[in-house]
C-alpha atoms as a PDB file:
ATOM      1  CA  UNK A   1      -0.975   6.819  20.711  1.00  0.00           C
ATOM      2  CA  UNK A   2       1.207   4.927  18.227  1.00  0.00           C
ATOM      3  CA  UNK A   3      -1.881   3.344  16.663  1.00  0.00           C
ATOM      4  CA  UNK A   4      -3.511   6.748  16.181  1.00  0.00           C
ATOM      5  CA  UNK A   5      -0.379   7.987  14.419  1.00  0.00           C
ATOM      6  CA  UNK A   6      -0.315   4.873  12.230  1.00  0.00           C
ATOM      7  CA  UNK A   7      -4.007   5.187  11.334  1.00  0.00           C
ATOM      8  CA  UNK A   8      -3.475   8.824  10.377  1.00  0.00           C
ATOM      9  CA  UNK A   9      -0.430   7.896   8.287  1.00  0.00           C
ATOM     10  CA  UNK A  10      -2.459   5.274   6.438  1.00  0.00           C
ATOM     11  CA  UNK A  11      -5.461   7.487   5.738  1.00  0.00           C
ATOM     12  CA  UNK A  12      -3.357  10.419   4.557  1.00  0.00           C
ATOM     13  CA  UNK A  13      -1.184   8.161   2.374  1.00  0.00           C
ATOM     14  CA  UNK A  14      -4.290   6.709   0.728  1.00  0.00           C
ATOM     15  CA  UNK A  15      -5.689  10.195   0.136  1.00  0.00           C
ATOM     16  CA  UNK A  16      -2.355  11.284  -1.383  1.00  0.00           C
ATOM     17  CA  UNK A  17      -2.262   8.235  -3.650  1.00  0.00           C
ATOM     18  CA  UNK A  18      -5.837   8.823  -4.822  1.00  0.00           C
ATOM     19  CA  UNK A  19      -4.908  12.469  -5.432  1.00  0.00           C
ATOM     20  CA  UNK A  20      -2.011  11.248  -7.541  1.00  0.00           C
ATOM     21  CA  UNK A  21      -4.515   9.466  -9.791  1.00  0.00           C
ATOM     22  CA  UNK A  22      -6.466  12.723 -10.195  1.00  0.00           C
ATOM     23  CA  UNK A  23      -3.289  14.720 -10.857  1.00  0.00           C
ATOM     24  CA  UNK A  24      -2.078  12.208 -13.438  1.00  0.00           C
ATOM     25  CA  UNK A  25      -5.427  12.617 -15.197  1.00  0.00           C
ATOM     26  CA  UNK A  26      -4.602  16.205 -16.069  1.00  0.00           C
ATOM     27  CA  UNK A  27      -5.443  18.178 -12.948  1.00  0.00           C
ATOM     28  CA  UNK A  28      -1.850  19.152 -12.198  1.00  0.00           C
ATOM     29  CA  UNK A  29      -2.645  21.364  -9.211  1.00  0.00           C
ATOM     30  CA  UNK A  30      -3.436  18.181  -7.262  1.00  0.00           C
ATOM     31  CA  UNK A  31       0.289  17.359  -7.187  1.00  0.00           C
ATOM     32  CA  UNK A  32       0.669  19.827  -4.306  1.00  0.00           C
ATOM     33  CA  UNK A  33      -1.723  17.708  -2.256  1.00  0.00           C
ATOM     34  CA  UNK A  34       0.114  14.557  -3.275  1.00  0.00           C
ATOM     35  CA  UNK A  35       3.457  15.868  -2.049  1.00  0.00           C
ATOM     36  CA  UNK A  36       2.001  17.336   1.152  1.00  0.00           C
ATOM     37  CA  UNK A  37       0.103  14.127   1.841  1.00  0.00           C
ATOM     38  CA  UNK A  38       3.154  11.924   1.489  1.00  0.00           C
ATOM     39  CA  UNK A  39       5.240  14.235   3.697  1.00  0.00           C
ATOM     40  CA  UNK A  40       2.588  14.233   6.438  1.00  0.00           C
ATOM     41  CA  UNK A  41       2.089  10.488   6.097  1.00  0.00           C
ATOM     42  CA  UNK A  42       5.800   9.771   6.548  1.00  0.00           C
ATOM     43  CA  UNK A  43       5.917  12.172   9.503  1.00  0.00           C
ATOM     44  CA  UNK A  44       3.032  10.332  11.174  1.00  0.00           C
ATOM     45  CA  UNK A  45       4.651   6.973  10.461  1.00  0.00           C
ATOM     46  CA  UNK A  46       7.817   8.295  12.075  1.00  0.00           C
ATOM     47  CA  UNK A  47       5.833   9.369  15.135  1.00  0.00           C
ATOM     48  CA  UNK A  48       4.265   5.895  15.359  1.00  0.00           C
ATOM     49  CA  UNK A  49       7.741   4.355  15.332  1.00  0.00           C
ATOM     50  CA  UNK A  50       8.976   6.850  17.908  1.00  0.00           C
ATOM     51  CA  UNK A  51       5.980   5.999  20.117  1.00  0.00           C
ATOM     52  CA  UNK A  52       7.021   2.355  20.203  1.00  0.00           C
ATOM     53  CA  UNK A  53       5.672   0.476  17.202  1.00  0.00           C
ATOM     54  CA  UNK A  54       8.167  -1.888  15.639  1.00  0.00           C
ATOM     55  CA  UNK A  55       9.238  -1.070  12.099  1.00  0.00           C
ATOM     56  CA  UNK A  56       8.235  -4.430  10.619  1.00  0.00           C
ATOM     57  CA  UNK A  57       4.768  -4.323  12.118  1.00  0.00           C
ATOM     58  CA  UNK A  58       4.164  -0.627  11.415  1.00  0.00           C
ATOM     59  CA  UNK A  59       5.387  -0.776   7.831  1.00  0.00           C
ATOM     60  CA  UNK A  60       3.547  -4.027   7.155  1.00  0.00           C
ATOM     61  CA  UNK A  61       0.262  -2.632   8.402  1.00  0.00           C
ATOM     62  CA  UNK A  62       0.832   0.731   6.707  1.00  0.00           C
ATOM     63  CA  UNK A  63       1.470  -0.785   3.303  1.00  0.00           C
ATOM     64  CA  UNK A  64      -1.113  -3.571   3.497  1.00  0.00           C
ATOM     65  CA  UNK A  65      -3.988  -1.418   4.657  1.00  0.00           C
ATOM     66  CA  UNK A  66      -2.922   1.264   2.200  1.00  0.00           C
ATOM     67  CA  UNK A  67      -2.978  -1.182  -0.713  1.00  0.00           C
ATOM     68  CA  UNK A  68      -6.374  -2.554   0.296  1.00  0.00           C
ATOM     69  CA  UNK A  69      -7.996   0.849   0.814  1.00  0.00           C
ATOM     70  CA  UNK A  70      -6.486   2.240  -2.363  1.00  0.00           C
ATOM     71  CA  UNK A  71      -7.837  -0.683  -4.392  1.00  0.00           C
ATOM     72  CA  UNK A  72     -11.334  -0.329  -2.914  1.00  0.00           C
ATOM     73  CA  UNK A  73     -11.484   3.452  -3.245  1.00  0.00           C
ATOM     74  CA  UNK A  74     -10.054   3.438  -6.773  1.00  0.00           C
ATOM     75  CA  UNK A  75     -12.895   1.074  -7.684  1.00  0.00           C
ATOM     76  CA  UNK A  76     -15.481   3.364  -6.077  1.00  0.00           C
ATOM     77  CA  UNK A  77     -14.058   6.682  -7.258  1.00  0.00           C
ATOM     78  CA  UNK A  78     -12.504   5.863 -10.618  1.00  0.00           C
ATOM     79  CA  UNK A  79     -14.285   2.699 -11.734  1.00  0.00           C
ATOM     80  CA  UNK A  80     -11.064   0.711 -11.809  1.00  0.00           C
ATOM     81  CA  UNK A  81     -11.351  -3.074 -11.719  1.00  0.00           C
ATOM     82  CA  UNK A  82     -11.491  -5.001  -8.462  1.00  0.00           C
ATOM     83  CA  UNK A  83     -11.683  -8.648  -9.474  1.00  0.00           C
ATOM     84  CA  UNK A  84     -12.168 -11.669  -7.225  1.00  0.00           C
ATOM     85  CA  UNK A  85      -8.490 -12.537  -7.692  1.00  0.00           C
ATOM     86  CA  UNK A  86      -7.563  -9.025  -6.548  1.00  0.00           C
ATOM     87  CA  UNK A  87      -9.876  -9.476  -3.558  1.00  0.00           C
ATOM     88  CA  UNK A  88      -8.069 -12.711  -2.724  1.00  0.00           C
ATOM     89  CA  UNK A  89      -4.772 -10.835  -2.911  1.00  0.00           C
ATOM     90  CA  UNK A  90      -6.097  -8.246  -0.457  1.00  0.00           C
ATOM     91  CA  UNK A  91      -7.222 -11.041   1.880  1.00  0.00           C
ATOM     92  CA  UNK A  92      -3.779 -12.660   1.694  1.00  0.00           C
ATOM     93  CA  UNK A  93      -2.109  -9.339   2.465  1.00  0.00           C
ATOM     94  CA  UNK A  94      -4.424  -8.889   5.456  1.00  0.00           C
ATOM     95  CA  UNK A  95      -3.563 -12.389   6.653  1.00  0.00           C
ATOM     96  CA  UNK A  96       0.126 -11.593   6.392  1.00  0.00           C
ATOM     97  CA  UNK A  97      -0.321  -8.475   8.480  1.00  0.00           C
ATOM     98  CA  UNK A  98      -2.198 -10.450  11.138  1.00  0.00           C
ATOM     99  CA  UNK A  99       0.680 -12.933  11.244  1.00  0.00           C
ATOM    100  CA  UNK A 100       3.185 -10.093  11.573  1.00  0.00           C
ATOM    101  CA  UNK A 101       1.269  -8.669  14.509  1.00  0.00           C
ATOM    102  CA  UNK A 102       0.820 -12.067  16.171  1.00  0.00           C
ATOM    103  CA  UNK A 103       4.510 -12.835  15.772  1.00  0.00           C
ATOM    104  CA  UNK A 104       5.701  -9.524  17.209  1.00  0.00           C
ATOM    105  CA  UNK A 105       6.828  -9.572  20.827  1.00  0.00           C
ATOM    106  CA  UNK A 106       4.520  -7.638  23.139  1.00  0.00           C
END
């Protein structure tokens, strides 16, 4: 169940961050969704930790996947750049998360 909580935390955090981009562009009512999204995301992350995920692994995966998804979706939704160097950075982050998971005691 901890992985379901973590996946939900990631997806909601990404949605909240993308909403922040919309809100910062002048659609101020979107800030309500930003705040609600971050609150729910942190609550789900807390549930993942309570269900047994280690903090280092959970936070590493949460932030890394969040960064990668946010970069890809901001390219698709807002036309922001996603250069090969940025893609390499995402790949390095993913590799770091894999190493975190492999190094965690099971």
